[in-house]
Amino acid sequence: MANTLSIATWWHTLAGVEKFFWAVALLFSFMFVVQTVISFIGGDDDGTFGDSDEYVEGDGGIDYQFFTIKNFITFFTVFGWVGLACLQGGLSMFQIVLWSTLSGLAIVLIMFFLFSRMARLRSSGTLQIQNALQKQAETYLRIPALRSGYGKVHVRVQGSLRELRALTDDENDIPTGKPVTVVGIVNESVLLVTGMK
């Protein structure tokens, strides 16, 4: 009870500007901690304002979006604490707002750069199945004729040997061990191949 009273007394002694920066700093710090905990337990989808925020959208898209809830919280967390530090330093209101804003933006830009780089590294390591087109492969499991069933092939894509499902339009089954050529992409995990010369 005494602690509650002392906190209330301390709060009432603050000037309006100090209350503002303390409120921003404490509120967004709490949100930052909650968000960090959620990230560690695997529930962070880091939504944008309006659309979902995917780290990787494809080769032509934005890898890491700038206007996200995570960046919003980070900006105001830094804004609040830097504002308090500037108040303690006796800076003018213009300088306080300027330094708080610049500091928040700087941290968000650093995060934007780092996560963009991480996203590109992750993207470069994932299979782009289009890169298998016109590649030579070897049948691993027999591929039934005329797309009547799935087989499997081994194909070297992006520097590594991959095992992928395959269909064929050939009139005869393609037996295990026979070389084939990838002539099409059925979907993200199935190739269209031919054993015909």
Protein backbone atom coordinates (compact mmCIF):
# COMPACT_ATOMS: atom_id res chain seq x y z
CA MET A 1 0.00 0.00 0.00
CA ALA A 2 2.82 2.35 0.92
CA ASN A 3 4.56 1.56 -2.36
CA THR A 4 1.38 2.37 -4.29
CA LEU A 5 1.06 5.68 -2.48
CA SER A 6 4.70 6.55 -3.14
CA ILE A 7 4.30 5.80 -6.85
CA ALA A 8 1.15 7.93 -6.97
CA THR A 9 2.94 10.75 -5.15
CA TRP A 10 5.90 10.51 -7.52
CA TRP A 11 3.56 10.58 -10.53
CA HIS A 12 1.78 13.71 -9.30
CA THR A 13 5.09 15.53 -8.83
CA LEU A 14 5.96 15.09 -12.51
CA ALA A 15 5.41 17.85 -15.04
CA GLY A 16 3.08 17.21 -17.98
CA VAL A 17 5.91 16.56 -20.43
CA GLU A 18 7.61 14.14 -18.03
CA LYS A 19 4.33 12.26 -17.56
CA PHE A 20 3.97 11.96 -21.32
CA PHE A 21 7.46 10.51 -21.85
CA TRP A 22 7.20 8.21 -18.82
CA ALA A 23 3.83 6.93 -20.05
CA VAL A 24 5.17 6.29 -23.55
CA ALA A 25 8.37 4.65 -22.26
CA LEU A 26 6.64 2.36 -19.75
CA LEU A 27 3.68 1.39 -21.94
CA PHE A 28 5.74 0.55 -25.02
CA SER A 29 8.49 -1.13 -22.98
CA PHE A 30 5.83 -3.44 -21.54
CA MET A 31 4.50 -4.14 -25.04
CA PHE A 32 8.06 -4.75 -26.26
CA VAL A 33 8.68 -7.33 -23.51
CA VAL A 34 5.36 -9.08 -24.23
CA GLN A 35 6.13 -9.16 -27.95
CA THR A 36 9.61 -10.56 -27.30
CA VAL A 37 8.20 -13.34 -25.12
CA ILE A 38 5.60 -14.18 -27.78
CA SER A 39 8.36 -14.28 -30.41
CA PHE A 40 10.36 -16.78 -28.37
CA ILE A 41 7.40 -19.12 -27.91
CA GLY A 42 6.72 -19.04 -31.64
CA GLY A 43 3.55 -17.00 -31.84
CA ASP A 44 4.89 -13.86 -33.50
CA ASP A 45 3.44 -13.15 -36.95
CA ASP A 46 4.43 -9.46 -36.82
CA GLY A 47 1.39 -8.08 -38.61
CA THR A 48 1.47 -4.94 -40.69
CA PHE A 49 -1.15 -2.23 -40.61
CA GLY A 50 -3.73 -3.77 -42.93
CA ASP A 51 -1.98 -6.79 -44.40
CA SER A 52 -0.06 -9.73 -43.09
CA ASP A 53 3.65 -9.22 -42.85
CA GLU A 54 5.66 -11.98 -44.40
CA TYR A 55 9.41 -11.76 -44.17
CA VAL A 56 9.79 -13.21 -47.66
CA GLU A 57 7.28 -12.48 -50.35
CA GLY A 58 9.32 -13.60 -53.33
CA ASP A 59 12.07 -12.34 -55.54
CA GLY A 60 10.16 -9.27 -56.67
CA GLY A 61 8.58 -8.32 -53.36
CA ILE A 62 9.62 -6.51 -50.22
CA ASP A 63 11.56 -8.91 -48.02
CA TYR A 64 10.86 -7.18 -44.72
CA GLN A 65 8.18 -4.53 -44.47
CA PHE A 66 8.93 -1.23 -42.75
CA PHE A 67 5.50 -0.39 -41.29
CA THR A 68 4.95 -3.26 -38.86
CA ILE A 69 3.59 -3.50 -35.33
CA LYS A 70 7.04 -4.61 -34.17
CA ASN A 71 8.71 -1.51 -35.61
CA PHE A 72 5.93 0.73 -34.25
CA ILE A 73 6.48 -0.60 -30.71
CA THR A 74 10.26 -0.37 -31.05
CA PHE A 75 10.10 3.23 -32.26
CA PHE A 76 8.00 4.45 -29.35
CA THR A 77 9.99 2.46 -26.79
CA VAL A 78 13.18 4.21 -27.90
CA PHE A 79 11.33 7.52 -28.33
CA GLY A 80 10.12 7.43 -24.73
CA TRP A 81 13.41 6.53 -23.06
CA VAL A 82 15.51 8.92 -25.14
CA GLY A 83 12.97 11.66 -24.42
CA LEU A 84 13.36 11.05 -20.68
CA ALA A 85 17.15 11.11 -20.99
CA CYS A 86 16.99 14.40 -22.89
CA LEU A 87 14.66 15.87 -20.26
CA GLN A 88 17.15 14.95 -17.56
CA GLY A 89 19.86 16.59 -19.66
CA GLY A 90 17.96 19.88 -19.68
CA LEU A 91 17.53 20.10 -23.45
CA SER A 92 14.88 22.29 -25.05
CA MET A 93 11.56 20.76 -26.10
CA PHE A 94 12.52 21.02 -29.77
CA GLN A 95 15.79 19.15 -29.12
CA ILE A 96 14.00 16.53 -27.02
CA VAL A 97 11.46 15.76 -29.73
CA LEU A 98 14.14 15.86 -32.43
CA TRP A 99 16.56 13.48 -30.67
CA SER A 100 13.77 11.14 -29.56
CA THR A 101 12.38 10.90 -33.09
CA LEU A 102 15.78 10.47 -34.73
CA SER A 103 16.79 7.81 -32.20
CA GLY A 104 13.58 5.85 -32.73
CA LEU A 105 13.93 6.03 -36.51
CA ALA A 106 17.60 5.01 -36.35
CA ILE A 107 16.83 1.86 -34.36
CA VAL A 108 13.93 0.93 -36.65
CA LEU A 109 16.10 1.44 -39.75
CA ILE A 110 18.83 -0.74 -38.26
CA MET A 111 16.25 -3.46 -37.55
CA PHE A 112 14.84 -3.07 -41.06
CA PHE A 113 18.29 -3.54 -42.58
CA LEU A 114 19.22 -6.52 -40.38
CA PHE A 115 15.94 -8.39 -40.89
CA SER A 116 16.02 -7.69 -44.64
CA ARG A 117 19.47 -9.25 -44.83
CA MET A 118 18.34 -12.24 -42.77
CA ALA A 119 15.29 -12.69 -44.99
CA ARG A 120 17.42 -12.65 -48.14
CA LEU A 121 19.76 -15.26 -46.65
CA ARG A 122 16.81 -17.49 -45.77
CA SER A 123 15.29 -16.98 -49.20
CA SER A 124 18.53 -17.86 -50.99
CA GLY A 125 18.62 -21.18 -49.10
CA THR A 126 15.09 -22.28 -50.03
CA LEU A 127 14.28 -24.27 -53.13
CA GLN A 128 13.14 -22.27 -56.14
CA ILE A 129 11.62 -25.13 -58.10
CA GLN A 130 11.71 -23.15 -61.37
CA ASN A 131 15.48 -23.61 -61.30
CA ALA A 132 14.94 -27.31 -62.04
CA LEU A 133 13.56 -26.62 -65.54
CA GLN A 134 15.56 -28.28 -68.34
CA LYS A 135 17.81 -29.99 -65.78
CA GLN A 136 18.90 -33.59 -66.18
CA ALA A 137 17.66 -35.89 -63.43
CA GLU A 138 17.66 -39.56 -62.52
CA THR A 139 14.56 -41.60 -61.76
CA TYR A 140 14.57 -42.76 -58.13
CA LEU A 141 11.10 -44.37 -58.05
CA ARG A 142 9.35 -45.60 -61.20
CA ILE A 143 7.22 -42.89 -62.82
CA PRO A 144 3.92 -44.27 -64.23
CA ALA A 145 3.01 -43.31 -67.81
CA LEU A 146 0.54 -40.60 -68.82
CA ARG A 147 0.39 -38.94 -65.40
CA SER A 148 -1.29 -42.00 -63.91
CA GLY A 149 0.76 -41.77 -60.73
CA TYR A 150 3.72 -40.18 -59.02
CA GLY A 151 7.31 -41.28 -59.11
CA LYS A 152 10.41 -39.62 -57.72
CA VAL A 153 13.56 -38.20 -59.25
CA HIS A 154 16.91 -36.99 -58.01
CA VAL A 155 17.83 -33.63 -59.51
CA ARG A 156 20.61 -31.19 -58.72
CA VAL A 157 19.12 -27.73 -58.05
CA GLN A 158 20.88 -24.69 -56.59
CA GLY A 159 24.01 -26.69 -55.93
CA SER A 160 22.43 -29.55 -53.98
CA LEU A 161 20.84 -32.89 -54.86
CA ARG A 162 17.07 -32.86 -54.29
CA GLU A 163 14.53 -35.67 -54.24
CA LEU A 164 11.25 -34.49 -55.78
CA ARG A 165 8.01 -36.09 -56.93
CA ALA A 166 7.53 -36.34 -60.67
CA LEU A 167 4.91 -37.03 -63.34
CA THR A 168 5.38 -37.81 -67.01
CA ASP A 169 3.37 -37.49 -70.22
CA ASP A 170 5.39 -40.30 -71.80
CA GLU A 171 3.34 -43.26 -73.05
CA ASN A 172 5.55 -45.74 -71.21
CA ASP A 173 6.55 -45.95 -67.57
CA ILE A 174 9.97 -44.52 -66.76
CA PRO A 175 11.91 -47.15 -64.79
CA THR A 176 14.13 -46.54 -61.78
CA GLY A 177 17.61 -45.38 -62.72
CA LYS A 178 16.70 -43.97 -66.13
CA PRO A 179 17.92 -40.43 -66.94
CA VAL A 180 15.13 -37.91 -67.54
CA THR A 181 14.80 -34.24 -68.42
CA VAL A 182 12.64 -31.80 -66.47
CA VAL A 183 10.29 -30.23 -69.02
CA GLY A 184 7.75 -28.54 -66.76
CA ILE A 185 6.65 -27.59 -63.26
CA VAL A 186 3.33 -29.06 -62.10
CA ASN A 187 3.33 -27.29 -58.74
CA GLU A 188 5.78 -26.24 -56.02
CA SER A 189 6.77 -29.84 -55.25
CA VAL A 190 6.10 -31.82 -58.44
CA LEU A 191 8.10 -31.88 -61.67
CA LEU A 192 7.03 -32.91 -65.16
CA VAL A 193 9.73 -35.04 -66.77
CA THR A 194 10.36 -37.02 -69.92
CA GLY A 195 12.62 -39.95 -70.60
CA MET A 196 12.41 -39.46 -74.35
CA LYS A 197 15.46 -38.29 -76.25
